């Protein structure tokens, strides 16, 4: 029975640059209570922490990158949903990181009984912001939805370098996730230094990914899956407005021959 929901904030395998930035695993139970939070480094440590299990593990890093250049097909679809992502290609990841860590990790997770998928934490946060608006309960109207969706900007919370922590954004993001997740005793630091802010942001990314996994497992009608295992697949929560807009864009892009998924 597929019943476990795990989020994994995965640092790329940086064979070119050493970094103390952590990978973080977050697991939610049936009631969306945070039951496990683990800081990890190596692939072996991740696999040991995951163990054998039946469930979805949503990862915020590429798991399949068949394209040498450009961007993946599901990233094209996300762009038409006004969800910008960095174009992911083999050449870019090999140049920046010396390889594609998730591509090595995904088959190992599958062999342990897990279903690995990608998730976009900012997509999750925007969905939570949209869900809190009064117009999210109205009948789908694509023009009105697009205007409202564009206003749903996720907080800035990821430090981009020394002295660039965003404590207010970290706190706001934690409050957003607390709408749907029981965070238990975990709270971000009130006044984080650079490395504490990085650690807190990694936890938030892992929890956001776990939300994607939890919805996919326990309420698939509120989840959307875009892509395929071989071409790259992303899973995120979505309401009827976004689902309708997704269907419209998928049909158009397929008719134009822009995508095959």
C-alpha atoms as a PDB file:
ATOM      1  CA  UNK A   1       0.000   0.000   0.000  1.00  0.00           C
ATOM      2  CA  UNK A   2       1.399   3.388  -1.048  1.00  0.00           C
ATOM      3  CA  UNK A   3       0.879   5.544   2.033  1.00  0.00           C
ATOM      4  CA  UNK A   4       4.110   7.356   2.934  1.00  0.00           C
ATOM      5  CA  UNK A   5       4.854  10.970   2.010  1.00  0.00           C
ATOM      6  CA  UNK A   6       8.431  12.229   1.977  1.00  0.00           C
ATOM      7  CA  UNK A   7       9.994  15.464   0.774  1.00  0.00           C
ATOM      8  CA  UNK A   8      13.681  15.701  -0.055  1.00  0.00           C
ATOM      9  CA  UNK A   9      15.609  18.920  -0.456  1.00  0.00           C
ATOM     10  CA  UNK A  10      18.525  17.552  -2.460  1.00  0.00           C
ATOM     11  CA  UNK A  11      21.749  19.438  -2.947  1.00  0.00           C
ATOM     12  CA  UNK A  12      23.308  18.696  -6.293  1.00  0.00           C
ATOM     13  CA  UNK A  13      26.309  16.390  -6.336  1.00  0.00           C
ATOM     14  CA  UNK A  14      28.874  19.143  -6.381  1.00  0.00           C
ATOM     15  CA  UNK A  15      31.959  17.337  -7.595  1.00  0.00           C
ATOM     16  CA  UNK A  16      33.372  20.654  -8.781  1.00  0.00           C
ATOM     17  CA  UNK A  17      32.664  22.707  -5.650  1.00  0.00           C
ATOM     18  CA  UNK A  18      32.546  21.585  -2.030  1.00  0.00           C
ATOM     19  CA  UNK A  19      29.690  23.016   0.021  1.00  0.00           C
ATOM     20  CA  UNK A  20      28.406  22.629   3.579  1.00  0.00           C
ATOM     21  CA  UNK A  21      24.837  23.270   2.404  1.00  0.00           C
ATOM     22  CA  UNK A  22      22.657  20.416   3.667  1.00  0.00           C
ATOM     23  CA  UNK A  23      20.219  18.023   2.060  1.00  0.00           C
ATOM     24  CA  UNK A  24      17.124  17.545   4.222  1.00  0.00           C
ATOM     25  CA  UNK A  25      14.490  14.803   4.409  1.00  0.00           C
ATOM     26  CA  UNK A  26      11.008  15.569   5.785  1.00  0.00           C
ATOM     27  CA  UNK A  27       8.266  12.979   6.270  1.00  0.00           C
ATOM     28  CA  UNK A  28       4.568  13.607   6.934  1.00  0.00           C
ATOM     29  CA  UNK A  29       2.122  11.119   8.412  1.00  0.00           C
ATOM     30  CA  UNK A  30      -1.466  10.522   7.290  1.00  0.00           C
ATOM     31  CA  UNK A  31      -2.649  13.681   9.062  1.00  0.00           C
ATOM     32  CA  UNK A  32       0.135  15.833   7.532  1.00  0.00           C
ATOM     33  CA  UNK A  33       2.041  15.972  10.795  1.00  0.00           C
ATOM     34  CA  UNK A  34       5.805  16.355  10.470  1.00  0.00           C
ATOM     35  CA  UNK A  35       7.130  13.110  11.942  1.00  0.00           C
ATOM     36  CA  UNK A  36      10.710  13.092  10.712  1.00  0.00           C
ATOM     37  CA  UNK A  37      13.295  15.728   9.840  1.00  0.00           C
ATOM     38  CA  UNK A  38      16.794  14.521   8.971  1.00  0.00           C
ATOM     39  CA  UNK A  39      19.850  16.414   7.723  1.00  0.00           C
ATOM     40  CA  UNK A  40      21.848  14.303   5.267  1.00  0.00           C
ATOM     41  CA  UNK A  41      24.905  14.472   3.072  1.00  0.00           C
ATOM     42  CA  UNK A  42      25.787  11.407   0.959  1.00  0.00           C
ATOM     43  CA  UNK A  43      23.551   9.317  -1.305  1.00  0.00           C
ATOM     44  CA  UNK A  44      24.190   6.383   1.018  1.00  0.00           C
ATOM     45  CA  UNK A  45      22.928   8.373   4.002  1.00  0.00           C
ATOM     46  CA  UNK A  46      19.790   9.358   2.070  1.00  0.00           C
ATOM     47  CA  UNK A  47      19.048   5.764   1.062  1.00  0.00           C
ATOM     48  CA  UNK A  48      19.651   4.543   4.614  1.00  0.00           C
ATOM     49  CA  UNK A  49      17.267   7.192   5.967  1.00  0.00           C
ATOM     50  CA  UNK A  50      14.614   6.331   3.380  1.00  0.00           C
ATOM     51  CA  UNK A  51      14.884   2.566   3.784  1.00  0.00           C
ATOM     52  CA  UNK A  52      12.376   0.281   2.096  1.00  0.00           C
ATOM     53  CA  UNK A  53       8.917   1.794   1.810  1.00  0.00           C
ATOM     54  CA  UNK A  54       5.809   2.227  -0.267  1.00  0.00           C
ATOM     55  CA  UNK A  55       5.186   5.884  -0.934  1.00  0.00           C
ATOM     56  CA  UNK A  56       6.056   9.026  -2.869  1.00  0.00           C
ATOM     57  CA  UNK A  57       9.280  10.954  -2.360  1.00  0.00           C
ATOM     58  CA  UNK A  58       9.143  14.422  -3.922  1.00  0.00           C
ATOM     59  CA  UNK A  59      12.545  15.952  -4.669  1.00  0.00           C
ATOM     60  CA  UNK A  60      13.429  19.550  -5.517  1.00  0.00           C
ATOM     61  CA  UNK A  61      16.214  18.543  -7.891  1.00  0.00           C
ATOM     62  CA  UNK A  62      16.313  17.031 -11.392  1.00  0.00           C
ATOM     63  CA  UNK A  63      15.764  13.263 -11.507  1.00  0.00           C
ATOM     64  CA  UNK A  64      15.750  12.791 -15.296  1.00  0.00           C
ATOM     65  CA  UNK A  65      17.467  15.081 -17.794  1.00  0.00           C
ATOM     66  CA  UNK A  66      17.416  13.567 -21.299  1.00  0.00           C
ATOM     67  CA  UNK A  67      18.020  16.869 -23.126  1.00  0.00           C
ATOM     68  CA  UNK A  68      21.551  18.018 -23.814  1.00  0.00           C
ATOM     69  CA  UNK A  69      20.507  21.663 -24.141  1.00  0.00           C
ATOM     70  CA  UNK A  70      17.446  23.846 -23.788  1.00  0.00           C
ATOM     71  CA  UNK A  71      14.884  22.882 -21.181  1.00  0.00           C
ATOM     72  CA  UNK A  72      12.755  19.887 -20.381  1.00  0.00           C
ATOM     73  CA  UNK A  73       9.212  19.498 -21.689  1.00  0.00           C
ATOM     74  CA  UNK A  74       7.500  19.816 -18.323  1.00  0.00           C
ATOM     75  CA  UNK A  75       9.443  23.041 -17.753  1.00  0.00           C
ATOM     76  CA  UNK A  76       7.900  24.381 -20.963  1.00  0.00           C
ATOM     77  CA  UNK A  77       4.462  23.533 -19.596  1.00  0.00           C
ATOM     78  CA  UNK A  78       5.226  25.180 -16.249  1.00  0.00           C
ATOM     79  CA  UNK A  79       6.293  28.340 -18.084  1.00  0.00           C
ATOM     80  CA  UNK A  80       2.851  28.509 -19.715  1.00  0.00           C
ATOM     81  CA  UNK A  81       1.355  28.151 -16.227  1.00  0.00           C
ATOM     82  CA  UNK A  82       3.390  31.188 -15.128  1.00  0.00           C
ATOM     83  CA  UNK A  83       5.632  29.039 -12.936  1.00  0.00           C
ATOM     84  CA  UNK A  84       9.165  30.036 -13.974  1.00  0.00           C
ATOM     85  CA  UNK A  85      11.912  27.469 -13.475  1.00  0.00           C
ATOM     86  CA  UNK A  86      15.575  27.501 -14.424  1.00  0.00           C
ATOM     87  CA  UNK A  87      16.026  25.672 -17.746  1.00  0.00           C
ATOM     88  CA  UNK A  88      17.514  22.273 -16.929  1.00  0.00           C
ATOM     89  CA  UNK A  89      19.862  20.564 -19.367  1.00  0.00           C
ATOM     90  CA  UNK A  90      22.648  18.013 -19.126  1.00  0.00           C
ATOM     91  CA  UNK A  91      25.222  20.510 -20.346  1.00  0.00           C
ATOM     92  CA  UNK A  92      24.235  23.091 -17.724  1.00  0.00           C
ATOM     93  CA  UNK A  93      24.232  20.635 -14.800  1.00  0.00           C
ATOM     94  CA  UNK A  94      27.492  19.016 -15.850  1.00  0.00           C
ATOM     95  CA  UNK A  95      29.156  22.406 -16.156  1.00  0.00           C
ATOM     96  CA  UNK A  96      27.833  23.771 -12.846  1.00  0.00           C
ATOM     97  CA  UNK A  97      27.776  20.624 -10.715  1.00  0.00           C
ATOM     98  CA  UNK A  98      29.847  17.993 -12.477  1.00  0.00           C
ATOM     99  CA  UNK A  99      26.873  15.653 -12.881  1.00  0.00           C
ATOM    100  CA  UNK A 100      23.231  14.977 -12.081  1.00  0.00           C
ATOM    101  CA  UNK A 101      22.900  13.597  -8.590  1.00  0.00           C
ATOM    102  CA  UNK A 102      19.168  12.906  -8.733  1.00  0.00           C
ATOM    103  CA  UNK A 103      19.541  10.852 -11.883  1.00  0.00           C
ATOM    104  CA  UNK A 104      21.742   8.441  -9.961  1.00  0.00           C
ATOM    105  CA  UNK A 105      19.584   8.481  -6.841  1.00  0.00           C
ATOM    106  CA  UNK A 106      16.160   7.914  -8.447  1.00  0.00           C
ATOM    107  CA  UNK A 107      16.723   4.283  -9.580  1.00  0.00           C
ATOM    108  CA  UNK A 108      18.059   3.378  -6.145  1.00  0.00           C
ATOM    109  CA  UNK A 109      14.934   4.841  -4.523  1.00  0.00           C
ATOM    110  CA  UNK A 110      12.720   2.928  -6.946  1.00  0.00           C
ATOM    111  CA  UNK A 111      14.483  -0.329  -6.096  1.00  0.00           C
ATOM    112  CA  UNK A 112      13.542   0.292  -2.444  1.00  0.00           C
ATOM    113  CA  UNK A 113       9.855   0.615  -3.322  1.00  0.00           C
ATOM    114  CA  UNK A 114       9.586   4.414  -3.548  1.00  0.00           C
ATOM    115  CA  UNK A 115       8.096   6.501  -6.341  1.00  0.00           C
ATOM    116  CA  UNK A 116      10.514   9.414  -6.859  1.00  0.00           C
ATOM    117  CA  UNK A 117       9.108  12.543  -8.524  1.00  0.00           C
ATOM    118  CA  UNK A 118      10.183  16.146  -8.765  1.00  0.00           C
ATOM    119  CA  UNK A 119       8.445  19.005  -6.976  1.00  0.00           C
ATOM    120  CA  UNK A 120       8.755  22.794  -7.164  1.00  0.00           C
ATOM    121  CA  UNK A 121       8.576  24.332  -3.667  1.00  0.00           C
ATOM    122  CA  UNK A 122       7.668  27.779  -5.035  1.00  0.00           C
ATOM    123  CA  UNK A 123       4.759  26.166  -6.917  1.00  0.00           C
ATOM    124  CA  UNK A 124       3.536  24.664  -3.623  1.00  0.00           C
ATOM    125  CA  UNK A 125       3.786  28.020  -1.842  1.00  0.00           C
ATOM    126  CA  UNK A 126       1.934  29.834  -4.618  1.00  0.00           C
ATOM    127  CA  UNK A 127      -0.804  27.201  -4.440  1.00  0.00           C
ATOM    128  CA  UNK A 128      -1.137  27.804  -0.697  1.00  0.00           C
ATOM    129  CA  UNK A 129      -1.333  31.567  -1.224  1.00  0.00           C
ATOM    130  CA  UNK A 130      -3.957  31.117  -3.960  1.00  0.00           C
ATOM    131  CA  UNK A 131      -5.954  28.696  -1.799  1.00  0.00           C
ATOM    132  CA  UNK A 132      -6.241  31.371   0.876  1.00  0.00           C
ATOM    133  CA  UNK A 133      -7.892  33.853  -1.494  1.00  0.00           C
ATOM    134  CA  UNK A 134     -11.702  34.165  -1.672  1.00  0.00           C
ATOM    135  CA  UNK A 135     -11.670  33.745  -5.475  1.00  0.00           C
ATOM    136  CA  UNK A 136     -10.079  30.278  -5.153  1.00  0.00           C
ATOM    137  CA  UNK A 137     -13.541  28.932  -4.275  1.00  0.00           C
ATOM    138  CA  UNK A 138     -15.266  30.381  -7.359  1.00  0.00           C
ATOM    139  CA  UNK A 139     -16.032  28.525 -10.576  1.00  0.00           C
ATOM    140  CA  UNK A 140     -12.982  28.338 -12.861  1.00  0.00           C
ATOM    141  CA  UNK A 141     -12.552  31.394 -15.070  1.00  0.00           C
ATOM    142  CA  UNK A 142      -9.200  31.215 -16.826  1.00  0.00           C
ATOM    143  CA  UNK A 143      -8.726  34.936 -17.442  1.00  0.00           C
ATOM    144  CA  UNK A 144      -9.567  35.887 -13.858  1.00  0.00           C
ATOM    145  CA  UNK A 145      -7.536  32.997 -12.487  1.00  0.00           C
ATOM    146  CA  UNK A 146      -4.427  33.962 -14.430  1.00  0.00           C
ATOM    147  CA  UNK A 147      -4.598  37.533 -13.141  1.00  0.00           C
ATOM    148  CA  UNK A 148      -5.005  36.338  -9.559  1.00  0.00           C
ATOM    149  CA  UNK A 149      -2.375  33.604  -9.883  1.00  0.00           C
ATOM    150  CA  UNK A 150       0.200  36.124 -11.085  1.00  0.00           C
ATOM    151  CA  UNK A 151      -0.323  38.060  -7.857  1.00  0.00           C
ATOM    152  CA  UNK A 152       0.540  34.986  -5.741  1.00  0.00           C
ATOM    153  CA  UNK A 153       4.275  35.473  -5.368  1.00  0.00           C
ATOM    154  CA  UNK A 154       6.124  33.165  -2.948  1.00  0.00           C
ATOM    155  CA  UNK A 155       8.172  34.824  -0.205  1.00  0.00           C
ATOM    156  CA  UNK A 156      11.902  35.344  -0.709  1.00  0.00           C
ATOM    157  CA  UNK A 157      13.497  33.102   1.875  1.00  0.00           C
ATOM    158  CA  UNK A 158      16.544  31.379   0.370  1.00  0.00           C
ATOM    159  CA  UNK A 159      19.872  33.082   1.200  1.00  0.00           C
ATOM    160  CA  UNK A 160      21.907  33.661  -1.947  1.00  0.00           C
ATOM    161  CA  UNK A 161      25.162  34.369  -0.170  1.00  0.00           C
ATOM    162  CA  UNK A 162      26.847  35.680   2.964  1.00  0.00           C
ATOM    163  CA  UNK A 163      24.895  38.465   4.628  1.00  0.00           C
ATOM    164  CA  UNK A 164      21.838  37.849   2.457  1.00  0.00           C
ATOM    165  CA  UNK A 165      19.527  35.995   4.836  1.00  0.00           C
ATOM    166  CA  UNK A 166      15.806  36.726   4.630  1.00  0.00           C
ATOM    167  CA  UNK A 167      14.429  36.066   8.152  1.00  0.00           C
ATOM    168  CA  UNK A 168      11.095  37.732   7.371  1.00  0.00           C
ATOM    169  CA  UNK A 169      10.669  35.551   4.281  1.00  0.00           C
ATOM    170  CA  UNK A 170      11.622  32.435   6.233  1.00  0.00           C
ATOM    171  CA  UNK A 171       9.008  33.216   8.892  1.00  0.00           C
ATOM    172  CA  UNK A 172       6.338  33.955   6.259  1.00  0.00           C
ATOM    173  CA  UNK A 173       7.077  30.701   4.441  1.00  0.00           C
ATOM    174  CA  UNK A 174       6.856  28.710   7.674  1.00  0.00           C
ATOM    175  CA  UNK A 175       3.456  30.310   8.377  1.00  0.00           C
ATOM    176  CA  UNK A 176       2.224  29.355   4.893  1.00  0.00           C
ATOM    177  CA  UNK A 177       3.269  25.730   5.305  1.00  0.00           C
ATOM    178  CA  UNK A 178       1.759  25.622   8.797  1.00  0.00           C
ATOM    179  CA  UNK A 179      -1.652  26.086   7.151  1.00  0.00           C
ATOM    180  CA  UNK A 180      -1.482  22.505   5.897  1.00  0.00           C
ATOM    181  CA  UNK A 181       1.317  20.882   7.948  1.00  0.00           C
ATOM    182  CA  UNK A 182       1.636  20.349  11.685  1.00  0.00           C
ATOM    183  CA  UNK A 183       5.259  21.404  12.109  1.00  0.00           C
ATOM    184  CA  UNK A 184       5.368  20.142  15.700  1.00  0.00           C
ATOM    185  CA  UNK A 185       8.289  21.597  17.628  1.00  0.00           C
ATOM    186  CA  UNK A 186      10.179  22.831  14.568  1.00  0.00           C
ATOM    187  CA  UNK A 187      10.421  26.585  14.169  1.00  0.00           C
ATOM    188  CA  UNK A 188      12.865  28.690  12.159  1.00  0.00           C
ATOM    189  CA  UNK A 189      15.379  30.742  14.099  1.00  0.00           C
ATOM    190  CA  UNK A 190      14.182  34.242  15.067  1.00  0.00           C
ATOM    191  CA  UNK A 191      17.422  35.945  14.035  1.00  0.00           C
ATOM    192  CA  UNK A 192      19.359  33.481  11.909  1.00  0.00           C
ATOM    193  CA  UNK A 193      22.975  33.901  10.911  1.00  0.00           C
ATOM    194  CA  UNK A 194      23.893  33.031   7.337  1.00  0.00           C
ATOM    195  CA  UNK A 195      24.295  29.287   7.853  1.00  0.00           C
ATOM    196  CA  UNK A 196      21.277  28.954  10.134  1.00  0.00           C
ATOM    197  CA  UNK A 197      19.178  30.723   7.492  1.00  0.00           C
ATOM    198  CA  UNK A 198      20.465  28.300   4.865  1.00  0.00           C
ATOM    199  CA  UNK A 199      19.590  25.365   7.115  1.00  0.00           C
ATOM    200  CA  UNK A 200      16.092  26.730   7.818  1.00  0.00           C
ATOM    201  CA  UNK A 201      15.451  27.362   4.115  1.00  0.00           C
ATOM    202  CA  UNK A 202      16.497  23.781   3.341  1.00  0.00           C
ATOM    203  CA  UNK A 203      13.954  22.499   5.879  1.00  0.00           C
ATOM    204  CA  UNK A 204      11.223  24.642   4.330  1.00  0.00           C
ATOM    205  CA  UNK A 205      12.026  23.297   0.857  1.00  0.00           C
ATOM    206  CA  UNK A 206      11.901  19.721   2.163  1.00  0.00           C
ATOM    207  CA  UNK A 207       8.552  20.308   3.887  1.00  0.00           C
ATOM    208  CA  UNK A 208       7.097  21.953   0.766  1.00  0.00           C
ATOM    209  CA  UNK A 209       8.161  18.906  -1.246  1.00  0.00           C
ATOM    210  CA  UNK A 210       6.556  16.670   1.391  1.00  0.00           C
ATOM    211  CA  UNK A 211       3.289  18.576   0.892  1.00  0.00           C
ATOM    212  CA  UNK A 212       3.407  17.666  -2.814  1.00  0.00           C
ATOM    213  CA  UNK A 213       4.015  14.037  -1.937  1.00  0.00           C
ATOM    214  CA  UNK A 214       1.248  14.014   0.687  1.00  0.00           C
ATOM    215  CA  UNK A 215      -1.374  15.421  -1.695  1.00  0.00           C
ATOM    216  CA  UNK A 216      -0.319  12.976  -4.417  1.00  0.00           C
ATOM    217  CA  UNK A 217      -0.699  10.042  -2.009  1.00  0.00           C
ATOM    218  CA  UNK A 218      -3.761  11.035  -0.004  1.00  0.00           C
ATOM    219  CA  UNK A 219      -5.761  13.423  -2.227  1.00  0.00           C
ATOM    220  CA  UNK A 220      -4.734  12.818  -5.857  1.00  0.00           C
ATOM    221  CA  UNK A 221      -7.727  14.795  -7.155  1.00  0.00           C
ATOM    222  CA  UNK A 222      -5.945  17.913  -5.867  1.00  0.00           C
ATOM    223  CA  UNK A 223      -2.639  16.928  -7.450  1.00  0.00           C
ATOM    224  CA  UNK A 224      -1.274  17.387 -10.964  1.00  0.00           C
ATOM    225  CA  UNK A 225       1.388  15.280 -12.638  1.00  0.00           C
ATOM    226  CA  UNK A 226       3.213  16.663 -15.664  1.00  0.00           C
ATOM    227  CA  UNK A 227       5.729  14.639 -17.676  1.00  0.00           C
ATOM    228  CA  UNK A 228       7.021  11.088 -17.694  1.00  0.00           C
ATOM    229  CA  UNK A 229       9.617   9.127 -15.780  1.00  0.00           C
ATOM    230  CA  UNK A 230      12.067   9.162 -18.709  1.00  0.00           C
ATOM    231  CA  UNK A 231      11.566  12.805 -19.722  1.00  0.00           C
ATOM    232  CA  UNK A 232      11.192  14.198 -16.212  1.00  0.00           C
ATOM    233  CA  UNK A 233       8.018  14.278 -14.150  1.00  0.00           C
ATOM    234  CA  UNK A 234       6.848  16.913 -11.680  1.00  0.00           C
ATOM    235  CA  UNK A 235       4.018  16.511  -9.154  1.00  0.00           C
ATOM    236  CA  UNK A 236       2.426  19.410  -7.301  1.00  0.00           C
ATOM    237  CA  UNK A 237      -0.870  20.298  -5.615  1.00  0.00           C
ATOM    238  CA  UNK A 238      -3.402  22.199  -7.709  1.00  0.00           C
ATOM    239  CA  UNK A 239      -7.018  23.296  -7.507  1.00  0.00           C
ATOM    240  CA  UNK A 240      -9.633  23.206 -10.289  1.00  0.00           C
ATOM    241  CA  UNK A 241      -8.577  26.552 -11.776  1.00  0.00           C
ATOM    242  CA  UNK A 242      -4.976  25.471 -12.340  1.00  0.00           C
ATOM    243  CA  UNK A 243      -6.026  21.992 -13.488  1.00  0.00           C
ATOM    244  CA  UNK A 244      -8.263  23.495 -16.154  1.00  0.00           C
ATOM    245  CA  UNK A 245      -5.550  25.870 -17.312  1.00  0.00           C
ATOM    246  CA  UNK A 246      -3.097  22.954 -17.435  1.00  0.00           C
ATOM    247  CA  UNK A 247      -5.440  20.918 -19.645  1.00  0.00           C
ATOM    248  CA  UNK A 248      -5.880  23.844 -22.049  1.00  0.00           C
ATOM    249  CA  UNK A 249      -2.136  24.412 -22.382  1.00  0.00           C
ATOM    250  CA  UNK A 250      -1.267  20.716 -22.668  1.00  0.00           C
ATOM    251  CA  UNK A 251      -3.750  20.322 -25.513  1.00  0.00           C
ATOM    252  CA  UNK A 252      -2.429  23.402 -27.330  1.00  0.00           C
ATOM    253  CA  UNK A 253       1.260  22.500 -26.914  1.00  0.00           C
ATOM    254  CA  UNK A 254       0.633  18.949 -28.098  1.00  0.00           C
ATOM    255  CA  UNK A 255      -1.275  20.191 -31.161  1.00  0.00           C
ATOM    256  CA  UNK A 256       1.645  22.501 -31.970  1.00  0.00           C
ATOM    257  CA  UNK A 257       4.119  19.607 -31.616  1.00  0.00           C
ATOM    258  CA  UNK A 258       5.995  21.470 -28.901  1.00  0.00           C
ATOM    259  CA  UNK A 259       5.757  18.610 -26.402  1.00  0.00           C
ATOM    260  CA  UNK A 260       5.225  14.849 -26.438  1.00  0.00           C
ATOM    261  CA  UNK A 261       4.201  14.341 -22.805  1.00  0.00           C
END
